[in-house]
Amino acid sequence: PPPILLRVDIRDVLVGVYTRGLLLASTIVLVLGGGAMWLGFVLRRDVVAPIHRILGILGGFARDPLKQIAPEHEEPPKKSDDEGVLETETLRRAVIKFGSLLQVGFGEAGAEMLSKSLNDKGSGGAKGLALRTFGGHLNTGKVVHAFFGYCDIRHFTDLTEVLQADVVRVVNFCAWIVHKAVHDNNGAPNKNVGDAFLVVWKSKGGMGVREVADASLRSLVRTIFCVSRSAELARIAVRSEVQERLPGFSVRLGYGLHYGWAVECAIGSDLKVDTSYISSHVNLATRLEEATKHYGVDILLSGQTYGLLSPYIQSLCRLVDKVVVKGTIHPFELYTYDVPTSSSSSAVSDYFATDPTVSNAQFFAAMAPSLSMAFKRQFAAAVDSYLGGPDGSEADWPTACIMLSWCLEMTPNDGPSLAILSNME
C-alpha cells in the first residue's frame, strides 16, 4: 500500500507551552521580586531602622550624657503579628533605661567621664571591664569653681529608730523636694548620704556667677518652704510614735551654702566608681550646715556666697556672726536667710514658690523674710557691737547683750540672738 503521510501542526501547542512557561516564569519572578522587596522593606523597618535609631541614641548619649535620652511622649511600641513587642524595640527601650540609669547614677559630675569612656575606641573584654572603661579617668580630675550646698534632715537618728523601714519615705520625699528645687534652678544633685544631700551649682549655659549665686539661694529657700508645706511629711510627723519620742516634731532641713573651688573627679576602683568633688570648700558647706543647729536657723551662707548675691537679695539676708571654722585659718562671716514658714506665709502661692518660670525678683519678693525692719536694724546694730569692727577691737558686749534682749522681745526664740547671747556668756 502507498505510504500514508500525516502532517501535524503543533505550533499552537508550542505557543501554548511557551506562553504558559513565560507566564509561570514571570509569576515566579514577580513573586520572588515582590517577596524580596517586601522582605527588604520589613528588614529596613524592623531591623535596620531600629538599629540606626539605637546607634543614634548611643551616639547622642556619648556626645552629651546629660541630654534627655527618650522623648517625653513616646509612640506605643510596635507589635508583630503574634510575637508581642519586637526584639529591636525591646533592645531600644533597654538602651534608654540603661542610659537613664547611668545619668541618674553618675549625675553632672560624671558626665565628662561617661562621654570620654563611651567615645574610647579601645578594646576590652569582660574581665576588668570597669577598670579598662573608667580606669583612665580614675587618676585624673578637673578643678571647678562652684556653689556647694549640703543639706541634712533634722533628728534623723530618732526618726530612724521610731519609723524604722518607714523612714525611707521621709528620706525619699525630702530628696525629691531637694533635687527638684536644685534641678529647676540650674543645679545638680551630686551625692545622697543617708539623711544628707550634696548639691552643686556651676556656671553653665552663659550664666554669670551672680546669676548662679541667686539660683543657688533660691533653691535652698524653695526647699525649706516646700518641706514646711508638705502634707505628706506632716502626716508622718504627727504620728503618735513620732510625737511621743519627739514632742512637737515637724520635718525640717538644715542647709549650708559655700562658694569655692573643688576637684571634680571619679573616685573608686574597678569594683565601684563614684563621681564627686574633693576640696576643703565642700567640707565648709558641711560645717555650715552643722552650725545651723547652733544658730537655730535653716540656712547659713558663707561670706563668699553672700558677696556674690545680687544687691536686692543681699538686703534680705542678715549677718549673724564671724567665725573661724575648723580647717580654716581666716575668719569669715556667716549670713542667714529667714525663710517664711507655712504658718507665717499662708498667703504665698505655690506658683511663686515652685514655678521655675517665675523670675528671681518675683520669687524673692513673695518669699521675703517676715522680720520687721525695726528688728533688722536692732539686730544689725547688736551684731556690730558684738563683732566690734574688722579686728574686734571695738566690741561692746554689754551693749550687744541689751540690744539682743530687745530683739528677743520683738521676735521671741530668734535663733541667732540666742546663739550670740550664749557665745558671750
Protein backbone atom coordinates (compact mmCIF):
# COMPACT_ATOMS: atom_id res chain seq x y z
CA PRO A 1 0.00 0.00 0.00
CA PRO A 2 1.17 3.51 -0.61
CA PRO A 3 2.70 5.29 2.48
CA ILE A 4 0.42 7.48 4.47
CA LEU A 5 1.83 10.90 5.38
CA LEU A 6 0.46 12.67 8.40
CA ARG A 7 1.13 16.34 8.95
CA VAL A 8 0.54 17.54 12.46
CA ASP A 9 0.61 21.27 13.19
CA ILE A 10 1.89 21.65 16.77
CA ARG A 11 2.60 25.35 16.59
CA ASP A 12 -0.43 26.18 18.65
CA VAL A 13 0.63 23.62 21.22
CA LEU A 14 4.15 25.03 21.38
CA VAL A 15 2.84 28.57 21.60
CA GLY A 16 0.64 27.49 24.50
CA VAL A 17 3.52 25.73 26.21
CA TYR A 18 5.83 28.69 25.74
CA THR A 19 3.14 31.10 26.87
CA ARG A 20 2.43 29.09 30.00
CA GLY A 21 6.14 28.83 30.69
CA LEU A 22 6.58 32.53 30.21
CA LEU A 23 3.64 33.26 32.48
CA LEU A 24 4.98 30.84 35.08
CA ALA A 25 8.45 32.39 34.91
CA SER A 26 7.01 35.89 35.08
CA THR A 27 4.88 34.90 38.04
CA ILE A 28 7.88 33.38 39.81
CA VAL A 29 9.96 36.49 39.12
CA LEU A 30 7.20 38.76 40.34
CA VAL A 31 6.61 36.66 43.46
CA LEU A 32 10.30 36.38 44.26
CA GLY A 33 10.93 40.03 43.40
CA GLY A 34 7.93 41.20 45.39
CA GLY A 35 8.89 38.92 48.25
CA ALA A 36 12.44 40.23 48.18
CA MET A 37 11.20 43.81 48.12
CA TRP A 38 8.79 43.12 50.99
CA LEU A 39 11.49 41.32 52.94
CA GLY A 40 13.81 44.26 52.35
CA PHE A 41 11.13 46.67 53.49
CA VAL A 42 10.45 44.60 56.61
CA LEU A 43 14.17 44.34 57.36
CA ARG A 44 14.62 48.08 56.93
CA ARG A 45 11.54 48.84 59.06
CA ASP A 46 12.02 46.29 61.83
CA VAL A 47 15.80 45.75 61.91
CA VAL A 48 17.93 48.31 60.07
CA ALA A 49 15.98 51.46 61.01
CA PRO A 50 15.63 50.47 64.70
CA ILE A 51 19.35 49.63 64.85
CA HIS A 52 20.14 53.05 63.35
CA ARG A 53 17.88 54.67 65.95
CA ILE A 54 19.63 52.76 68.72
CA LEU A 55 23.04 53.81 67.36
CA GLY A 56 21.75 57.39 67.20
CA ILE A 57 20.69 57.19 70.86
CA LEU A 58 24.10 55.81 71.84
CA GLY A 59 25.90 58.44 69.76
CA GLY A 60 23.89 61.28 71.26
CA PHE A 61 24.44 59.90 74.75
CA ALA A 62 28.18 59.67 74.14
CA ARG A 63 28.28 63.29 72.95
CA ASP A 64 26.16 64.66 75.79
CA PRO A 65 25.42 62.22 78.65
CA LEU A 66 23.15 64.78 80.35
CA LYS A 67 20.80 65.23 77.40
CA GLN A 68 17.36 63.63 77.69
CA ILE A 69 17.59 60.24 76.02
CA ALA A 70 13.96 59.43 75.30
CA PRO A 71 11.32 61.87 74.06
CA GLU A 72 8.78 62.92 76.66
CA HIS A 73 5.90 61.40 74.67
CA GLU A 74 6.85 58.11 73.03
CA GLU A 75 4.73 56.26 70.50
CA PRO A 76 3.32 52.90 71.64
CA PRO A 77 5.73 50.03 70.91
CA LYS A 78 5.28 48.34 67.54
CA LYS A 79 3.82 44.85 67.62
CA SER A 80 4.46 41.88 65.34
CA ASP A 81 1.51 39.62 64.45
CA ASP A 82 1.58 37.31 67.45
CA GLU A 83 5.01 37.88 68.90
CA GLY A 84 4.38 40.84 71.22
CA VAL A 85 6.97 43.64 71.24
CA LEU A 86 9.65 43.36 68.55
CA GLU A 87 13.11 42.41 69.80
CA THR A 88 14.62 45.59 68.37
CA GLU A 89 12.06 47.68 70.25
CA THR A 90 12.89 45.78 73.43
CA LEU A 91 16.57 46.47 72.80
CA ARG A 92 15.91 50.18 72.17
CA ARG A 93 13.95 50.52 75.38
CA ALA A 94 16.64 48.64 77.29
CA VAL A 95 19.28 51.05 75.96
CA ILE A 96 17.15 54.04 77.02
CA LYS A 97 16.62 52.59 80.51
CA PHE A 98 20.31 51.77 80.85
CA GLY A 99 21.33 55.25 79.75
CA SER A 100 18.79 56.85 82.09
CA LEU A 101 20.17 54.82 84.99
CA LEU A 102 23.69 55.96 84.11
CA GLN A 103 22.51 59.58 84.08
CA VAL A 104 20.91 59.19 87.50
CA GLY A 105 23.88 57.26 88.90
CA PHE A 106 26.73 59.45 87.67
CA GLY A 107 24.98 62.82 87.50
CA GLU A 108 26.51 66.01 86.20
CA ALA A 109 29.89 65.38 87.84
CA GLY A 110 30.30 62.10 85.93
CA ALA A 111 29.07 63.35 82.55
CA GLU A 112 32.53 64.08 81.18
CA MET A 113 33.88 60.72 82.34
CA LEU A 114 30.95 58.91 80.72
CA SER A 115 31.44 60.81 77.47
CA LYS A 116 35.15 60.02 77.32
CA SER A 117 34.58 56.38 78.21
CA LEU A 118 31.86 55.86 75.59
CA ASN A 119 33.96 57.56 72.92
CA ASP A 120 37.02 55.48 73.80
CA LYS A 121 37.71 53.14 70.85
CA GLY A 122 39.96 50.85 72.85
CA SER A 123 39.07 47.19 73.08
CA GLY A 124 38.21 45.37 76.24
CA GLY A 125 36.94 42.05 77.45
CA ALA A 126 34.64 41.08 80.23
CA LYS A 127 37.31 40.70 82.89
CA GLY A 128 38.25 44.04 84.41
CA LEU A 129 35.91 45.84 82.04
CA ALA A 130 35.13 48.59 84.57
CA LEU A 131 38.83 49.23 85.13
CA ARG A 132 39.51 49.43 81.39
CA THR A 133 36.40 51.53 80.86
CA PHE A 134 36.90 54.03 83.69
CA GLY A 135 40.48 53.34 84.74
CA GLY A 136 41.92 56.03 82.51
CA HIS A 137 39.74 58.59 84.27
CA LEU A 138 40.18 57.46 87.90
CA ASN A 139 43.51 59.22 88.29
CA THR A 140 42.53 62.49 86.65
CA GLY A 141 40.43 65.38 87.91
CA LYS A 142 39.34 68.85 86.93
CA VAL A 143 39.31 71.95 89.11
CA VAL A 144 35.96 73.74 89.02
CA HIS A 145 34.52 76.73 90.85
CA ALA A 146 31.02 76.18 92.12
CA PHE A 147 28.46 76.73 94.86
CA PHE A 148 28.27 73.73 97.18
CA GLY A 149 25.15 73.08 99.22
CA TYR A 150 24.93 70.49 101.97
CA CYS A 151 21.51 69.57 103.30
CA ASP A 152 20.64 67.46 106.34
CA ILE A 153 17.38 66.11 107.79
CA ARG A 154 16.96 67.09 111.42
CA HIS A 155 16.59 64.41 114.17
CA PHE A 156 17.19 61.66 111.64
CA THR A 157 18.59 59.18 114.16
CA ASP A 158 15.46 59.43 116.32
CA LEU A 159 13.25 59.17 113.24
CA THR A 160 15.05 56.03 112.09
CA GLU A 161 14.63 54.34 115.46
CA VAL A 162 10.94 55.20 115.60
CA LEU A 163 9.90 54.74 111.96
CA GLN A 164 12.46 52.07 111.00
CA ALA A 165 11.66 50.99 107.41
CA ASP A 166 9.15 53.84 107.00
CA VAL A 167 11.98 56.35 107.38
CA VAL A 168 12.75 55.70 103.71
CA ARG A 169 9.54 57.57 102.84
CA VAL A 170 10.81 60.64 104.67
CA VAL A 171 14.26 60.46 103.04
CA ASN A 172 12.97 59.99 99.51
CA PHE A 173 10.26 62.62 99.80
CA CYS A 174 12.82 65.14 101.09
CA ALA A 175 15.19 64.03 98.32
CA TRP A 176 12.52 64.67 95.69
CA ILE A 177 11.90 68.19 97.04
CA VAL A 178 15.63 68.97 97.28
CA HIS A 179 16.58 67.54 93.89
CA LYS A 180 13.64 69.12 92.06
CA ALA A 181 14.37 72.56 93.52
CA VAL A 182 18.06 72.28 92.63
CA HIS A 183 17.40 70.97 89.13
CA ASP A 184 14.84 73.69 88.37
CA ASN A 185 17.42 76.30 89.34
CA ASN A 186 20.30 75.12 87.14
CA GLY A 187 21.99 73.00 89.78
CA ALA A 188 22.70 69.30 90.02
CA PRO A 189 22.28 66.78 92.86
CA ASN A 190 25.61 65.06 93.43
CA LYS A 191 25.51 62.74 96.41
CA ASN A 192 22.92 61.18 98.71
CA VAL A 193 24.37 60.20 102.08
CA GLY A 194 21.56 58.69 104.14
CA ASP A 195 20.00 61.73 105.74
CA ALA A 196 22.08 64.28 103.82
CA PHE A 197 22.40 65.56 100.26
CA LEU A 198 25.27 67.30 98.47
CA VAL A 199 24.16 69.59 95.63
CA VAL A 200 26.21 71.75 93.27
CA TRP A 201 25.68 74.81 91.07
CA LYS A 202 28.20 75.67 88.34
CA SER A 203 28.23 78.45 85.77
CA LYS A 204 26.95 76.98 82.51
CA GLY A 205 24.92 77.97 79.50
CA GLY A 206 26.17 81.54 79.61
CA MET A 207 25.04 82.12 83.20
CA GLY A 208 27.12 84.58 85.21
CA VAL A 209 28.37 83.85 88.71
CA ARG A 210 25.89 86.27 90.27
CA GLU A 211 23.00 84.64 88.47
CA VAL A 212 24.16 81.22 89.67
CA ALA A 213 24.50 82.55 93.24
CA ASP A 214 20.91 83.82 93.20
CA ALA A 215 19.72 80.49 91.77
CA SER A 216 21.51 78.51 94.47
CA LEU A 217 19.95 80.51 97.30
CA ARG A 218 16.56 80.32 95.60
CA SER A 219 16.87 76.51 95.59
CA LEU A 220 17.53 76.49 99.33
CA VAL A 221 14.65 78.83 100.15
CA ARG A 222 12.26 76.84 97.96
CA THR A 223 13.34 73.56 99.58
CA ILE A 224 12.83 74.80 103.15
CA PHE A 225 9.47 76.34 102.24
CA CYS A 226 8.17 73.25 100.41
CA VAL A 227 9.18 70.94 103.26
CA SER A 228 7.28 73.15 105.71
CA ARG A 229 4.17 72.95 103.47
CA SER A 230 4.36 69.25 102.61
CA ALA A 231 1.17 67.43 103.63
CA GLU A 232 2.87 64.04 103.24
CA LEU A 233 5.70 64.92 105.63
CA ALA A 234 3.22 66.49 108.03
CA ARG A 235 1.22 63.25 108.17
CA ILE A 236 4.34 61.33 109.09
CA ALA A 237 5.42 63.92 111.67
CA VAL A 238 2.13 63.80 113.60
CA ARG A 239 2.17 60.02 114.01
CA SER A 240 1.76 59.13 117.68
CA GLU A 241 5.03 57.22 117.96
CA VAL A 242 6.96 60.13 116.47
CA GLN A 243 5.34 62.72 118.74
CA GLU A 244 5.91 60.51 121.76
CA ARG A 245 9.63 60.40 121.00
CA LEU A 246 9.91 64.00 119.71
CA PRO A 247 7.10 66.19 121.10
CA GLY A 248 6.10 68.95 118.71
CA PHE A 249 8.25 67.46 115.94
CA SER A 250 7.97 68.59 112.32
CA VAL A 251 10.26 67.60 109.46
CA ARG A 252 12.94 70.25 108.98
CA LEU A 253 16.09 70.56 106.92
CA GLY A 254 19.31 72.47 107.55
CA TYR A 255 21.38 73.91 104.69
CA GLY A 256 24.94 75.16 104.37
CA LEU A 257 25.97 77.03 101.20
CA HIS A 258 29.53 77.96 100.25
CA TYR A 259 31.32 79.09 97.10
CA GLY A 260 34.80 77.88 96.26
CA TRP A 261 36.88 75.51 94.16
CA ALA A 262 36.94 71.73 94.16
CA VAL A 263 38.36 68.85 92.16
CA GLU A 264 35.65 67.18 90.10
CA CYS A 265 36.71 63.58 89.69
CA ALA A 266 35.87 59.89 89.68
CA ILE A 267 36.62 58.10 92.93
CA GLY A 268 36.88 54.34 93.36
CA SER A 269 38.19 51.23 91.66
CA ASP A 270 37.14 48.64 89.09
CA LEU A 271 34.65 47.36 91.69
CA LYS A 272 32.83 50.65 92.39
CA VAL A 273 33.11 54.14 90.94
CA ASP A 274 31.54 57.36 92.25
CA THR A 275 31.86 60.87 90.87
CA SER A 276 32.04 63.75 93.29
CA TYR A 277 34.00 66.82 94.44
CA ILE A 278 37.07 66.90 96.68
CA SER A 279 38.03 70.10 98.47
CA SER A 280 38.06 71.84 101.82
CA HIS A 281 35.38 74.13 100.35
CA VAL A 282 32.99 71.17 100.13
CA ASN A 283 33.77 70.39 103.77
CA LEU A 284 32.99 74.02 104.64
CA ALA A 285 29.46 73.60 103.29
CA THR A 286 29.11 70.59 105.59
CA ARG A 287 30.32 72.55 108.60
CA LEU A 288 28.00 75.44 107.79
CA GLU A 289 25.08 73.01 107.86
CA GLU A 290 26.24 71.73 111.25
CA ALA A 291 26.39 75.32 112.51
CA THR A 292 22.74 75.92 111.60
CA LYS A 293 21.81 73.85 114.66
CA HIS A 294 23.83 76.15 116.93
CA TYR A 295 22.37 79.33 115.45
CA GLY A 296 18.82 77.98 115.27
CA VAL A 297 18.39 78.73 111.56
CA ASP A 298 17.57 76.70 108.47
CA ILE A 299 20.20 78.25 106.19
CA LEU A 300 23.74 79.52 106.69
CA LEU A 301 25.69 81.22 103.90
CA SER A 302 29.39 81.91 103.89
CA GLY A 303 30.61 85.45 103.29
CA GLN A 304 31.96 84.31 99.91
CA THR A 305 28.47 83.27 98.84
CA TYR A 306 26.85 86.42 100.24
CA GLY A 307 29.29 88.65 98.34
CA LEU A 308 28.21 87.12 95.01
CA LEU A 309 24.46 87.60 95.50
CA SER A 310 22.52 90.39 93.82
CA PRO A 311 22.24 93.55 95.96
CA TYR A 312 18.49 93.13 96.46
CA ILE A 313 18.88 89.55 97.67
CA GLN A 314 21.77 90.60 99.91
CA SER A 315 19.41 93.05 101.59
CA LEU A 316 17.14 90.13 102.53
CA CYS A 317 19.93 88.28 104.35
CA ARG A 318 21.33 89.14 107.77
CA LEU A 319 24.80 88.78 109.24
CA VAL A 320 24.76 86.50 112.29
CA ASP A 321 28.43 86.01 113.20
CA LYS A 322 32.06 85.99 112.16
CA VAL A 323 33.93 82.79 112.96
CA VAL A 324 36.97 80.66 112.22
CA VAL A 325 35.67 77.31 111.08
CA LYS A 326 37.64 74.15 111.74
CA GLY A 327 40.02 73.55 108.86
CA THR A 328 40.38 77.26 108.00
CA ILE A 329 42.80 79.98 109.07
CA HIS A 330 40.98 83.23 108.38
CA PRO A 331 37.61 84.12 109.90
CA PHE A 332 34.68 84.54 107.59
CA GLU A 333 31.21 85.90 108.01
CA LEU A 334 28.05 83.85 108.41
CA TYR A 335 24.76 85.03 106.95
CA THR A 336 21.29 83.56 107.11
CA TYR A 337 18.09 83.90 105.13
CA ASP A 338 14.97 83.68 107.27
CA VAL A 339 12.66 81.54 105.16
CA PRO A 340 8.98 82.24 105.81
CA THR A 341 7.35 79.10 107.19
CA SER A 342 3.94 77.76 106.24
CA SER A 343 2.35 79.43 109.26
CA SER A 344 3.86 82.86 108.54
CA SER A 345 3.36 82.74 104.76
CA SER A 346 -0.06 81.23 104.20
CA ALA A 347 -0.71 83.87 101.57
CA VAL A 348 2.32 82.83 99.49
CA SER A 349 1.18 81.00 96.38
CA ASP A 350 2.75 77.67 95.46
CA TYR A 351 3.10 79.11 91.97
CA PHE A 352 5.62 81.73 93.10
CA ALA A 353 7.42 79.21 95.30
CA THR A 354 7.82 76.32 92.86
CA ASP A 355 7.34 77.51 89.27
CA PRO A 356 10.78 77.85 87.62
CA THR A 357 9.43 80.38 85.12
CA VAL A 358 8.89 82.92 87.92
CA SER A 359 11.69 85.50 87.91
CA ASN A 360 14.08 85.81 90.85
CA ALA A 361 12.68 89.25 91.63
CA GLN A 362 9.14 87.86 91.86
CA PHE A 363 10.26 84.83 93.84
CA PHE A 364 12.22 86.70 96.49
CA ALA A 365 9.55 89.39 96.74
CA ALA A 366 6.99 86.66 97.54
CA MET A 367 9.39 84.76 99.82
CA ALA A 368 10.89 87.75 101.64
CA PRO A 369 11.61 87.21 105.36
CA SER A 370 8.75 88.25 107.60
CA LEU A 371 11.04 90.06 110.07
CA SER A 372 10.18 93.70 110.72
CA MET A 373 12.52 96.50 109.70
CA ALA A 374 12.81 97.57 113.34
CA PHE A 375 14.03 94.09 114.26
CA LYS A 376 16.53 94.02 111.39
CA ARG A 377 18.01 97.40 112.36
CA GLN A 378 18.21 96.44 116.03
CA PHE A 379 19.78 93.06 115.28
CA ALA A 380 22.32 94.56 112.85
CA ALA A 381 23.36 97.10 115.48
CA ALA A 382 23.66 94.35 118.09
CA VAL A 383 25.87 92.22 115.83
CA ASP A 384 28.02 95.26 115.03
CA SER A 385 28.58 95.85 118.75
CA TYR A 386 29.23 92.14 119.27
CA LEU A 387 31.82 91.83 116.48
CA GLY A 388 33.49 95.21 117.14
CA GLY A 389 34.74 96.02 113.66
CA PRO A 390 37.17 94.15 111.38
CA ASP A 391 39.60 93.21 114.18
CA GLY A 392 37.14 93.08 117.08
CA SER A 393 38.87 95.95 118.91
CA GLU A 394 35.64 97.98 119.15
CA ALA A 395 33.50 95.20 120.58
CA ASP A 396 30.96 96.30 123.18
CA TRP A 397 29.37 93.15 124.53
CA PRO A 398 27.28 94.77 127.29
CA THR A 399 25.58 96.96 124.69
CA ALA A 400 25.21 93.96 122.38
CA CYS A 401 23.51 92.00 125.17
CA ILE A 402 21.00 94.78 125.79
CA MET A 403 20.20 95.13 122.08
CA LEU A 404 19.80 91.38 121.62
CA SER A 405 17.44 91.27 124.58
CA TRP A 406 15.33 93.89 122.80
CA CYS A 407 15.46 91.74 119.65
CA LEU A 408 14.13 88.77 121.61
CA GLU A 409 11.27 90.90 122.89
CA MET A 410 10.30 91.68 119.30
CA THR A 411 10.94 88.15 117.98
CA PRO A 412 10.95 85.58 120.80
CA ASN A 413 13.10 82.47 120.26
CA ASP A 414 15.13 84.09 117.48
CA GLY A 415 17.92 81.55 116.99
CA PRO A 416 20.83 83.87 116.10
CA SER A 417 20.03 86.21 119.01
CA LEU A 418 20.03 83.34 121.47
CA ALA A 419 23.21 81.87 119.97
CA ILE A 420 25.15 85.16 120.20
CA LEU A 421 24.00 85.70 123.76
CA SER A 422 25.18 82.19 124.57
CA ASN A 423 28.55 82.92 122.95
CA MET A 424 29.02 86.00 125.14
CA GLU A 425 28.18 84.25 128.41
